[in-house]
Amino acid sequence: MRNRKFLLIAMPIIFVCVVLFSALYDVSINNYNNLKKISSLQTKLDKADKELEISRKVLNRVDILRYQDEVIRKKYPVFAKIVETVYTKSKEYNFDPNLIMGLIQIESNFKPDAISSRGAYGLMQVNYSVWKNELKIDPKRIFEIDYNIELGLKILKQYYKIACGDILRTLHLYNNGFLYNNEKYKYKVINTVFL
């Protein structure tokens, strides 16, 4: 009888303990899973914070570059136009814009209206008498920045093909054609501040 009473009292207590233990186990598993999720979220948040900081720095740099561009366009509008055209056209003809800037510096020192004693005109010193028919040059436009750079790049591209991709030979041909042998020219171009 005593065992029976004991069992009647103990069984519900044991049952309650099992239920409580099971609930505690479930809570601890949930807590563990939640901690893992929180840790993962914290890692993602830390990564997002770093990316945000990098983005802020990039944005700040973009703002500075925009401001510089605006100031240069106001102070040196012709030079800004040259830079923009050189960048765009160089990419179109698959040349490094810095190479073209160096070439222009040596050819005309960035003077769109430059004329040489040999009959070369503009920024890239396009020799009108040599190229007028082949490139169908409009003499009225030869001093226009876009037009002159485009002509110069067409000429450079032809020499580049003749030189089989050898840029030093290309520069030599651009300055000398096939008639002269001025070896210093190509080194002047590659030693400008742009290269």
N, C-alpha and C. Protein backbone atom coordinates (compact mmCIF):
# COMPACT_ATOMS: atom_id res chain seq x y z
N MET A 1 0.80 -1.17 0.00
CA MET A 1 0.00 0.00 0.00
C MET A 1 0.86 1.26 0.00
N ARG A 2 1.87 1.22 0.77
CA ARG A 2 2.76 2.36 0.83
C ARG A 2 3.42 2.62 -0.52
N ASN A 3 3.81 1.57 -1.16
CA ASN A 3 4.45 1.70 -2.49
C ASN A 3 3.46 2.29 -3.49
N ARG A 4 2.22 1.88 -3.29
CA ARG A 4 1.20 2.39 -4.18
C ARG A 4 0.97 3.88 -3.97
N LYS A 5 0.90 4.30 -2.76
CA LYS A 5 0.74 5.72 -2.46
C LYS A 5 1.95 6.51 -2.94
N PHE A 6 3.08 5.90 -2.73
CA PHE A 6 4.32 6.56 -3.18
C PHE A 6 4.29 6.75 -4.70
N LEU A 7 3.87 5.70 -5.38
CA LEU A 7 3.80 5.77 -6.84
C LEU A 7 2.75 6.79 -7.29
N LEU A 8 1.65 6.84 -6.62
CA LEU A 8 0.61 7.79 -6.97
C LEU A 8 1.10 9.25 -6.78
N ILE A 9 1.93 9.46 -5.79
CA ILE A 9 2.46 10.81 -5.55
C ILE A 9 3.67 11.06 -6.45
N ALA A 10 4.53 10.09 -6.61
CA ALA A 10 5.78 10.26 -7.34
C ALA A 10 5.56 10.36 -8.86
N MET A 11 4.58 9.62 -9.36
CA MET A 11 4.37 9.60 -10.81
C MET A 11 4.04 10.99 -11.36
N PRO A 12 3.12 11.70 -10.78
CA PRO A 12 2.87 13.04 -11.32
C PRO A 12 4.08 13.95 -11.17
N ILE A 13 4.79 13.78 -10.08
CA ILE A 13 5.98 14.62 -9.86
C ILE A 13 7.04 14.28 -10.92
N ILE A 14 7.23 13.01 -11.18
CA ILE A 14 8.20 12.57 -12.19
C ILE A 14 7.75 13.09 -13.57
N PHE A 15 6.44 12.95 -13.83
CA PHE A 15 5.91 13.42 -15.10
C PHE A 15 6.16 14.92 -15.27
N VAL A 16 5.88 15.70 -14.23
CA VAL A 16 6.08 17.15 -14.27
C VAL A 16 7.57 17.45 -14.47
N CYS A 17 8.44 16.68 -13.79
CA CYS A 17 9.90 16.89 -13.93
C CYS A 17 10.35 16.60 -15.37
N VAL A 18 9.81 15.52 -15.95
CA VAL A 18 10.17 15.16 -17.33
C VAL A 18 9.70 16.27 -18.28
N VAL A 19 8.46 16.73 -18.07
CA VAL A 19 7.94 17.80 -18.93
C VAL A 19 8.78 19.06 -18.76
N LEU A 20 9.11 19.40 -17.51
CA LEU A 20 9.93 20.59 -17.27
C LEU A 20 11.32 20.43 -17.87
N PHE A 21 11.90 19.26 -17.69
CA PHE A 21 13.23 19.00 -18.25
C PHE A 21 13.19 19.11 -19.78
N SER A 22 12.17 18.54 -20.38
CA SER A 22 12.00 18.59 -21.84
C SER A 22 11.85 20.04 -22.30
N ALA A 23 11.04 20.81 -21.55
CA ALA A 23 10.83 22.22 -21.90
C ALA A 23 12.13 23.00 -21.74
N LEU A 24 12.87 22.71 -20.64
CA LEU A 24 14.16 23.38 -20.44
C LEU A 24 15.15 23.02 -21.56
N TYR A 25 15.12 21.77 -21.98
CA TYR A 25 16.00 21.33 -23.06
C TYR A 25 15.65 22.08 -24.35
N ASP A 26 14.34 22.16 -24.66
CA ASP A 26 13.89 22.87 -25.85
C ASP A 26 14.30 24.35 -25.79
N VAL A 27 14.14 24.96 -24.60
CA VAL A 27 14.51 26.36 -24.43
C VAL A 27 16.01 26.54 -24.64
N SER A 28 16.80 25.60 -24.09
CA SER A 28 18.25 25.74 -24.22
C SER A 28 18.68 25.53 -25.68
N ILE A 29 18.05 24.62 -26.41
CA ILE A 29 18.35 24.42 -27.83
C ILE A 29 17.98 25.68 -28.61
N ASN A 30 16.79 26.22 -28.31
CA ASN A 30 16.37 27.46 -28.97
C ASN A 30 17.33 28.60 -28.67
N ASN A 31 17.76 28.70 -27.42
CA ASN A 31 18.72 29.74 -27.03
C ASN A 31 20.03 29.57 -27.80
N TYR A 32 20.49 28.31 -27.87
CA TYR A 32 21.73 28.03 -28.58
C TYR A 32 21.60 28.43 -30.06
N ASN A 33 20.49 28.04 -30.69
CA ASN A 33 20.25 28.39 -32.09
C ASN A 33 20.13 29.90 -32.28
N ASN A 34 19.45 30.54 -31.34
CA ASN A 34 19.32 31.99 -31.41
C ASN A 34 20.67 32.69 -31.25
N LEU A 35 21.52 32.16 -30.36
CA LEU A 35 22.86 32.73 -30.20
C LEU A 35 23.67 32.59 -31.48
N LYS A 36 23.53 31.43 -32.14
CA LYS A 36 24.22 31.23 -33.41
C LYS A 36 23.72 32.24 -34.46
N LYS A 37 22.40 32.43 -34.51
CA LYS A 37 21.82 33.38 -35.45
C LYS A 37 22.29 34.80 -35.14
N ILE A 38 22.30 35.15 -33.85
CA ILE A 38 22.75 36.48 -33.44
C ILE A 38 24.21 36.68 -33.82
N SER A 39 25.03 35.66 -33.59
CA SER A 39 26.45 35.74 -33.94
C SER A 39 26.62 35.92 -35.45
N SER A 40 25.85 35.16 -36.23
CA SER A 40 25.91 35.28 -37.69
C SER A 40 25.45 36.67 -38.12
N LEU A 41 24.37 37.16 -37.52
CA LEU A 41 23.89 38.50 -37.85
C LEU A 41 24.90 39.57 -37.47
N GLN A 42 25.58 39.37 -36.33
CA GLN A 42 26.59 40.33 -35.90
C GLN A 42 27.75 40.37 -36.89
N THR A 43 28.15 39.19 -37.37
CA THR A 43 29.22 39.12 -38.38
C THR A 43 28.80 39.85 -39.65
N LYS A 44 27.55 39.61 -40.08
CA LYS A 44 27.05 40.29 -41.28
C LYS A 44 26.95 41.79 -41.06
N LEU A 45 26.53 42.19 -39.86
CA LEU A 45 26.43 43.61 -39.53
C LEU A 45 27.81 44.26 -39.53
N ASP A 46 28.81 43.58 -38.97
CA ASP A 46 30.19 44.10 -38.96
C ASP A 46 30.70 44.26 -40.39
N LYS A 47 30.41 43.25 -41.23
CA LYS A 47 30.83 43.32 -42.64
C LYS A 47 30.12 44.48 -43.34
N ALA A 48 28.84 44.63 -43.09
CA ALA A 48 28.07 45.72 -43.71
C ALA A 48 28.59 47.08 -43.24
N ASP A 49 28.98 47.18 -41.96
CA ASP A 49 29.55 48.43 -41.44
C ASP A 49 30.85 48.77 -42.16
N LYS A 50 31.70 47.76 -42.38
CA LYS A 50 32.97 48.00 -43.09
C LYS A 50 32.70 48.43 -44.53
N GLU A 51 31.75 47.76 -45.19
CA GLU A 51 31.41 48.11 -46.57
C GLU A 51 30.82 49.52 -46.64
N LEU A 52 30.02 49.87 -45.64
CA LEU A 52 29.44 51.21 -45.58
C LEU A 52 30.54 52.26 -45.42
N GLU A 53 31.51 51.97 -44.58
CA GLU A 53 32.63 52.90 -44.38
C GLU A 53 33.43 53.06 -45.67
N ILE A 54 33.67 51.97 -46.36
CA ILE A 54 34.38 52.03 -47.65
C ILE A 54 33.56 52.84 -48.65
N SER A 55 32.26 52.58 -48.68
CA SER A 55 31.38 53.32 -49.60
C SER A 55 31.38 54.81 -49.29
N ARG A 56 31.40 55.15 -48.02
CA ARG A 56 31.45 56.57 -47.63
C ARG A 56 32.75 57.21 -48.12
N LYS A 57 33.87 56.48 -47.98
CA LYS A 57 35.16 57.01 -48.45
C LYS A 57 35.15 57.17 -49.97
N VAL A 58 34.60 56.19 -50.67
CA VAL A 58 34.52 56.26 -52.13
C VAL A 58 33.65 57.45 -52.54
N LEU A 59 32.52 57.60 -51.87
CA LEU A 59 31.62 58.71 -52.17
C LEU A 59 32.31 60.05 -51.93
N ASN A 60 33.05 60.13 -50.85
CA ASN A 60 33.80 61.34 -50.54
C ASN A 60 34.82 61.62 -51.65
N ARG A 61 35.50 60.56 -52.10
CA ARG A 61 36.49 60.72 -53.18
C ARG A 61 35.81 61.15 -54.48
N VAL A 62 34.64 60.58 -54.75
CA VAL A 62 33.88 60.96 -55.95
C VAL A 62 33.49 62.43 -55.86
N ASP A 63 33.06 62.88 -54.68
CA ASP A 63 32.70 64.29 -54.50
C ASP A 63 33.90 65.20 -54.76
N ILE A 64 35.06 64.78 -54.26
CA ILE A 64 36.28 65.57 -54.49
C ILE A 64 36.61 65.62 -55.99
N LEU A 65 36.51 64.47 -56.64
CA LEU A 65 36.82 64.42 -58.08
C LEU A 65 35.83 65.25 -58.89
N ARG A 66 34.57 65.22 -58.51
CA ARG A 66 33.58 66.06 -59.19
C ARG A 66 33.91 67.54 -59.01
N TYR A 67 34.28 67.88 -57.79
CA TYR A 67 34.64 69.27 -57.53
C TYR A 67 35.87 69.67 -58.33
N GLN A 68 36.90 68.80 -58.33
CA GLN A 68 38.11 69.09 -59.12
C GLN A 68 37.74 69.27 -60.59
N ASP A 69 36.92 68.38 -61.10
CA ASP A 69 36.50 68.45 -62.50
C ASP A 69 35.81 69.78 -62.79
N GLU A 70 34.92 70.17 -61.89
CA GLU A 70 34.18 71.44 -62.06
C GLU A 70 35.14 72.63 -62.06
N VAL A 71 36.08 72.62 -61.12
CA VAL A 71 37.04 73.72 -61.02
C VAL A 71 37.94 73.78 -62.25
N ILE A 72 38.44 72.63 -62.68
CA ILE A 72 39.31 72.58 -63.87
C ILE A 72 38.55 73.03 -65.11
N ARG A 73 37.30 72.58 -65.23
CA ARG A 73 36.49 73.01 -66.39
C ARG A 73 36.28 74.53 -66.41
N LYS A 74 36.17 75.12 -65.23
CA LYS A 74 35.99 76.58 -65.17
C LYS A 74 37.31 77.31 -65.43
N LYS A 75 38.37 76.83 -64.81
CA LYS A 75 39.67 77.50 -64.90
C LYS A 75 40.35 77.22 -66.25
N TYR A 76 40.27 75.97 -66.71
CA TYR A 76 40.95 75.55 -67.95
C TYR A 76 39.97 74.79 -68.85
N PRO A 77 38.98 75.47 -69.40
CA PRO A 77 37.95 74.76 -70.18
C PRO A 77 38.50 74.03 -71.40
N VAL A 78 39.49 74.60 -72.07
CA VAL A 78 40.06 73.95 -73.26
C VAL A 78 40.80 72.68 -72.84
N PHE A 79 41.59 72.78 -71.80
CA PHE A 79 42.33 71.60 -71.34
C PHE A 79 41.37 70.51 -70.88
N ALA A 80 40.31 70.89 -70.17
CA ALA A 80 39.31 69.91 -69.72
C ALA A 80 38.67 69.21 -70.92
N LYS A 81 38.38 69.97 -71.96
CA LYS A 81 37.80 69.40 -73.18
C LYS A 81 38.80 68.42 -73.83
N ILE A 82 40.06 68.78 -73.85
CA ILE A 82 41.10 67.91 -74.41
C ILE A 82 41.15 66.60 -73.63
N VAL A 83 41.18 66.70 -72.32
CA VAL A 83 41.27 65.50 -71.47
C VAL A 83 40.07 64.58 -71.71
N GLU A 84 38.89 65.15 -71.73
CA GLU A 84 37.67 64.37 -71.95
C GLU A 84 37.70 63.68 -73.32
N THR A 85 38.08 64.43 -74.34
CA THR A 85 38.12 63.87 -75.69
C THR A 85 39.19 62.79 -75.80
N VAL A 86 40.36 63.06 -75.25
CA VAL A 86 41.44 62.06 -75.28
C VAL A 86 40.99 60.78 -74.61
N TYR A 87 40.37 60.91 -73.46
CA TYR A 87 39.94 59.70 -72.73
C TYR A 87 38.94 58.90 -73.56
N THR A 88 37.92 59.57 -74.06
CA THR A 88 36.86 58.90 -74.82
C THR A 88 37.39 58.28 -76.11
N LYS A 89 38.11 59.07 -76.89
CA LYS A 89 38.59 58.60 -78.19
C LYS A 89 39.69 57.54 -78.03
N SER A 90 40.53 57.67 -77.03
CA SER A 90 41.59 56.67 -76.81
C SER A 90 40.99 55.31 -76.54
N LYS A 91 39.96 55.28 -75.73
CA LYS A 91 39.30 54.02 -75.42
C LYS A 91 38.68 53.43 -76.69
N GLU A 92 38.12 54.29 -77.53
CA GLU A 92 37.51 53.86 -78.78
C GLU A 92 38.54 53.21 -79.72
N TYR A 93 39.76 53.75 -79.71
CA TYR A 93 40.81 53.25 -80.60
C TYR A 93 41.77 52.27 -79.89
N ASN A 94 41.45 51.93 -78.65
CA ASN A 94 42.24 50.98 -77.85
C ASN A 94 43.67 51.46 -77.58
N PHE A 95 43.79 52.71 -77.23
CA PHE A 95 45.08 53.26 -76.80
C PHE A 95 44.96 53.75 -75.36
N ASP A 96 46.08 53.74 -74.66
CA ASP A 96 46.13 54.27 -73.30
C ASP A 96 45.98 55.79 -73.39
N PRO A 97 45.00 56.37 -72.70
CA PRO A 97 44.82 57.83 -72.76
C PRO A 97 46.08 58.60 -72.34
N ASN A 98 46.85 58.02 -71.42
CA ASN A 98 48.07 58.70 -70.98
C ASN A 98 49.10 58.79 -72.11
N LEU A 99 49.14 57.77 -72.96
CA LEU A 99 50.03 57.81 -74.11
C LEU A 99 49.63 58.97 -75.04
N ILE A 100 48.35 59.12 -75.27
CA ILE A 100 47.86 60.17 -76.16
C ILE A 100 48.10 61.55 -75.54
N MET A 101 47.92 61.67 -74.23
CA MET A 101 48.21 62.93 -73.56
C MET A 101 49.69 63.28 -73.71
N GLY A 102 50.56 62.28 -73.56
CA GLY A 102 52.00 62.50 -73.73
C GLY A 102 52.33 62.91 -75.15
N LEU A 103 51.69 62.26 -76.11
CA LEU A 103 51.92 62.58 -77.51
C LEU A 103 51.50 64.03 -77.80
N ILE A 104 50.33 64.41 -77.30
CA ILE A 104 49.84 65.78 -77.52
C ILE A 104 50.77 66.80 -76.85
N GLN A 105 51.26 66.46 -75.66
CA GLN A 105 52.17 67.38 -74.98
C GLN A 105 53.41 67.63 -75.84
N ILE A 106 53.98 66.59 -76.40
CA ILE A 106 55.17 66.74 -77.22
C ILE A 106 54.84 67.41 -78.56
N GLU A 107 53.74 67.02 -79.17
CA GLU A 107 53.38 67.55 -80.50
C GLU A 107 53.00 69.03 -80.47
N SER A 108 52.14 69.43 -79.53
CA SER A 108 51.58 70.79 -79.59
C SER A 108 51.57 71.51 -78.25
N ASN A 109 52.00 70.84 -77.21
CA ASN A 109 51.93 71.39 -75.85
C ASN A 109 50.52 71.87 -75.52
N PHE A 110 49.53 71.10 -75.98
CA PHE A 110 48.11 71.32 -75.69
C PHE A 110 47.56 72.61 -76.30
N LYS A 111 48.16 73.04 -77.39
CA LYS A 111 47.66 74.23 -78.09
C LYS A 111 46.85 73.77 -79.31
N PRO A 112 45.53 73.89 -79.26
CA PRO A 112 44.69 73.42 -80.36
C PRO A 112 44.97 74.11 -81.70
N ASP A 113 45.52 75.32 -81.65
CA ASP A 113 45.76 76.06 -82.89
C ASP A 113 47.22 76.00 -83.35
N ALA A 114 47.97 75.04 -82.83
CA ALA A 114 49.39 74.92 -83.18
C ALA A 114 49.57 74.57 -84.66
N ILE A 115 50.58 75.20 -85.27
CA ILE A 115 50.94 74.93 -86.67
C ILE A 115 52.45 74.76 -86.72
N SER A 116 52.89 73.67 -87.36
CA SER A 116 54.33 73.45 -87.47
C SER A 116 54.84 73.98 -88.80
N SER A 117 56.16 74.08 -88.89
CA SER A 117 56.79 74.54 -90.14
C SER A 117 56.65 73.50 -91.25
N ARG A 118 56.31 72.26 -90.90
CA ARG A 118 56.16 71.19 -91.89
C ARG A 118 54.70 71.00 -92.33
N GLY A 119 53.83 71.87 -91.90
CA GLY A 119 52.44 71.79 -92.34
C GLY A 119 51.60 70.85 -91.51
N ALA A 120 51.94 70.70 -90.22
CA ALA A 120 51.15 69.89 -89.31
C ALA A 120 50.30 70.82 -88.46
N TYR A 121 49.06 70.36 -88.18
CA TYR A 121 48.09 71.25 -87.55
C TYR A 121 47.45 70.65 -86.30
N GLY A 122 47.17 71.53 -85.36
CA GLY A 122 46.36 71.17 -84.20
C GLY A 122 47.10 70.42 -83.11
N LEU A 123 46.31 69.92 -82.19
CA LEU A 123 46.83 69.23 -81.01
C LEU A 123 47.76 68.08 -81.36
N MET A 124 47.34 67.26 -82.32
CA MET A 124 48.12 66.07 -82.65
C MET A 124 48.99 66.28 -83.88
N GLN A 125 49.09 67.53 -84.31
CA GLN A 125 49.96 67.90 -85.42
C GLN A 125 49.76 67.00 -86.63
N VAL A 126 48.54 67.00 -87.11
CA VAL A 126 48.17 66.22 -88.28
C VAL A 126 48.74 66.90 -89.52
N ASN A 127 49.52 66.16 -90.28
CA ASN A 127 50.12 66.70 -91.50
C ASN A 127 49.08 66.66 -92.61
N TYR A 128 48.53 67.82 -92.87
CA TYR A 128 47.41 67.93 -93.82
C TYR A 128 47.79 67.44 -95.21
N SER A 129 48.94 67.85 -95.72
CA SER A 129 49.31 67.50 -97.09
C SER A 129 49.51 65.99 -97.26
N VAL A 130 49.95 65.32 -96.22
CA VAL A 130 50.19 63.87 -96.29
C VAL A 130 48.88 63.09 -96.18
N TRP A 131 47.97 63.54 -95.33
CA TRP A 131 46.79 62.75 -94.99
C TRP A 131 45.47 63.28 -95.56
N LYS A 132 45.50 64.40 -96.23
CA LYS A 132 44.24 65.05 -96.64
C LYS A 132 43.34 64.15 -97.48
N ASN A 133 43.90 63.41 -98.42
CA ASN A 133 43.07 62.55 -99.28
C ASN A 133 42.68 61.25 -98.59
N GLU A 134 43.66 60.62 -97.94
CA GLU A 134 43.38 59.33 -97.32
C GLU A 134 42.33 59.44 -96.21
N LEU A 135 42.42 60.50 -95.42
CA LEU A 135 41.47 60.68 -94.31
C LEU A 135 40.33 61.65 -94.67
N LYS A 136 40.36 62.16 -95.89
CA LYS A 136 39.34 63.12 -96.34
C LYS A 136 39.18 64.25 -95.31
N ILE A 137 40.30 64.87 -95.01
CA ILE A 137 40.34 65.90 -93.97
C ILE A 137 39.61 67.17 -94.43
N ASP A 138 38.76 67.65 -93.56
CA ASP A 138 38.08 68.93 -93.77
C ASP A 138 39.00 70.01 -93.18
N PRO A 139 39.65 70.82 -94.01
CA PRO A 139 40.61 71.81 -93.50
C PRO A 139 39.96 72.85 -92.58
N LYS A 140 38.66 73.06 -92.72
CA LYS A 140 37.98 74.03 -91.87
C LYS A 140 37.84 73.53 -90.43
N ARG A 141 37.94 72.21 -90.26
CA ARG A 141 37.73 71.64 -88.92
C ARG A 141 39.03 71.15 -88.26
N ILE A 142 40.16 71.29 -88.93
CA ILE A 142 41.39 70.66 -88.47
C ILE A 142 41.84 71.13 -87.07
N PHE A 143 41.41 72.32 -86.67
CA PHE A 143 41.79 72.82 -85.35
C PHE A 143 40.76 72.47 -84.26
N GLU A 144 39.64 71.87 -84.64
CA GLU A 144 38.64 71.46 -83.64
C GLU A 144 39.24 70.33 -82.79
N ILE A 145 39.06 70.43 -81.52
CA ILE A 145 39.67 69.47 -80.59
C ILE A 145 39.26 68.04 -80.91
N ASP A 146 37.96 67.78 -80.95
CA ASP A 146 37.48 66.40 -81.21
C ASP A 146 37.97 65.88 -82.56
N TYR A 147 37.84 66.71 -83.57
CA TYR A 147 38.17 66.30 -84.93
C TYR A 147 39.67 66.02 -85.07
N ASN A 148 40.50 66.91 -84.52
CA ASN A 148 41.94 66.75 -84.63
C ASN A 148 42.43 65.50 -83.89
N ILE A 149 41.90 65.28 -82.71
CA ILE A 149 42.30 64.10 -81.94
C ILE A 149 41.85 62.83 -82.66
N GLU A 150 40.66 62.86 -83.22
CA GLU A 150 40.17 61.70 -83.99
C GLU A 150 41.09 61.42 -85.17
N LEU A 151 41.47 62.46 -85.91
CA LEU A 151 42.39 62.28 -87.04
C LEU A 151 43.72 61.70 -86.58
N GLY A 152 44.25 62.28 -85.51
CA GLY A 152 45.54 61.80 -84.98
C GLY A 152 45.47 60.35 -84.57
N LEU A 153 44.36 59.95 -83.96
CA LEU A 153 44.21 58.55 -83.54
C LEU A 153 44.05 57.62 -84.73
N LYS A 154 43.42 58.06 -85.77
CA LYS A 154 43.31 57.25 -86.99
C LYS A 154 44.70 57.00 -87.58
N ILE A 155 45.50 58.06 -87.62
CA ILE A 155 46.86 57.94 -88.13
C ILE A 155 47.68 57.01 -87.23
N LEU A 156 47.59 57.24 -85.93
CA LEU A 156 48.33 56.41 -84.97
C LEU A 156 47.93 54.95 -85.10
N LYS A 157 46.64 54.68 -85.28
CA LYS A 157 46.14 53.31 -85.41
C LYS A 157 46.73 52.64 -86.66
N GLN A 158 46.82 53.39 -87.74
CA GLN A 158 47.42 52.82 -88.96
C GLN A 158 48.87 52.45 -88.72
N TYR A 159 49.62 53.35 -88.09
CA TYR A 159 51.03 53.06 -87.80
C TYR A 159 51.17 51.91 -86.79
N TYR A 160 50.24 51.82 -85.88
CA TYR A 160 50.25 50.74 -84.88
C TYR A 160 50.13 49.38 -85.58
N LYS A 161 49.25 49.32 -86.57
CA LYS A 161 49.09 48.08 -87.34
C LYS A 161 50.35 47.77 -88.14
N ILE A 162 50.93 48.79 -88.76
CA ILE A 162 52.18 48.59 -89.52
C ILE A 162 53.29 48.12 -88.59
N ALA A 163 53.33 48.67 -87.37
CA ALA A 163 54.38 48.32 -86.39
C ALA A 163 54.07 47.03 -85.64
N CYS A 164 53.00 46.35 -86.02
CA CYS A 164 52.60 45.07 -85.39
C CYS A 164 52.47 45.19 -83.87
N GLY A 165 51.92 46.31 -83.42
CA GLY A 165 51.65 46.49 -82.00
C GLY A 165 52.83 47.00 -81.18
N ASP A 166 53.95 47.28 -81.82
CA ASP A 166 55.12 47.83 -81.12
C ASP A 166 54.89 49.33 -80.94
N ILE A 167 54.61 49.74 -79.72
CA ILE A 167 54.22 51.13 -79.47
C ILE A 167 55.36 52.11 -79.71
N LEU A 168 56.60 51.72 -79.42
CA LEU A 168 57.73 52.62 -79.68
C LEU A 168 57.91 52.83 -81.19
N ARG A 169 57.78 51.76 -81.94
CA ARG A 169 57.86 51.87 -83.40
C ARG A 169 56.70 52.72 -83.92
N THR A 170 55.53 52.53 -83.33
CA THR A 170 54.35 53.31 -83.71
C THR A 170 54.61 54.80 -83.51
N LEU A 171 55.15 55.16 -82.35
CA LEU A 171 55.46 56.56 -82.06
C LEU A 171 56.51 57.10 -83.04
N HIS A 172 57.50 56.28 -83.32
CA HIS A 172 58.54 56.68 -84.28
C HIS A 172 57.91 57.01 -85.64
N LEU A 173 57.04 56.13 -86.12
CA LEU A 173 56.38 56.34 -87.41
C LEU A 173 55.47 57.56 -87.37
N TYR A 174 54.78 57.76 -86.25
CA TYR A 174 53.86 58.90 -86.14
C TYR A 174 54.62 60.21 -86.33
N ASN A 175 55.79 60.31 -85.75
CA ASN A 175 56.57 61.54 -85.84
C ASN A 175 57.35 61.64 -87.15
N ASN A 176 57.90 60.53 -87.60
CA ASN A 176 58.82 60.54 -88.73
C ASN A 176 58.23 60.05 -90.05
N GLY A 177 57.14 59.31 -89.99
CA GLY A 177 56.68 58.62 -91.18
C GLY A 177 57.77 57.62 -91.56
N PHE A 178 57.98 57.43 -92.84
CA PHE A 178 59.01 56.50 -93.28
C PHE A 178 60.24 57.25 -93.81
N LEU A 179 60.22 58.59 -93.69
CA LEU A 179 61.28 59.38 -94.30
C LEU A 179 62.42 59.74 -93.35
N TYR A 180 62.12 59.99 -92.10
CA TYR A 180 63.13 60.52 -91.18
C TYR A 180 63.46 59.50 -90.10
N ASN A 181 64.50 59.81 -89.36
CA ASN A 181 64.93 58.87 -88.33
C ASN A 181 65.21 59.60 -87.02
N ASN A 182 64.21 60.26 -86.48
CA ASN A 182 64.35 60.96 -85.21
C ASN A 182 64.04 59.99 -84.08
N GLU A 183 65.05 59.37 -83.54
CA GLU A 183 64.89 58.36 -82.48
C GLU A 183 64.49 58.98 -81.14
N LYS A 184 64.76 60.26 -80.94
CA LYS A 184 64.51 60.88 -79.64
C LYS A 184 63.01 61.09 -79.36
N TYR A 185 62.24 61.26 -80.41
CA TYR A 185 60.83 61.59 -80.28
C TYR A 185 60.07 60.61 -79.39
N LYS A 186 60.17 59.33 -79.68
CA LYS A 186 59.39 58.33 -78.94
C LYS A 186 59.74 58.34 -77.46
N TYR A 187 61.01 58.63 -77.14
CA TYR A 187 61.41 58.68 -75.73
C TYR A 187 60.91 59.96 -75.06
N LYS A 188 60.79 61.03 -75.84
CA LYS A 188 60.20 62.25 -75.28
C LYS A 188 58.76 61.98 -74.87
N VAL A 189 58.02 61.28 -75.72
CA VAL A 189 56.61 60.99 -75.43
C VAL A 189 56.50 60.11 -74.19
N ILE A 190 57.26 59.04 -74.13
CA ILE A 190 57.09 58.12 -72.99
C ILE A 190 57.69 58.65 -71.69
N ASN A 191 58.43 59.74 -71.78
CA ASN A 191 58.99 60.35 -70.57
C ASN A 191 58.21 61.59 -70.11
N THR A 192 57.03 61.80 -70.66
CA THR A 192 56.20 62.92 -70.19
C THR A 192 55.61 62.57 -68.83
N VAL A 193 55.02 63.55 -68.19
CA VAL A 193 54.43 63.33 -66.86
C VAL A 193 53.27 62.34 -66.90
N PHE A 194 52.72 62.09 -68.08
CA PHE A 194 51.55 61.24 -68.19
C PHE A 194 51.88 59.75 -68.19
N LEU A 195 53.12 59.42 -68.48
CA LEU A 195 53.49 57.99 -68.56
C LEU A 195 54.51 57.62 -67.51
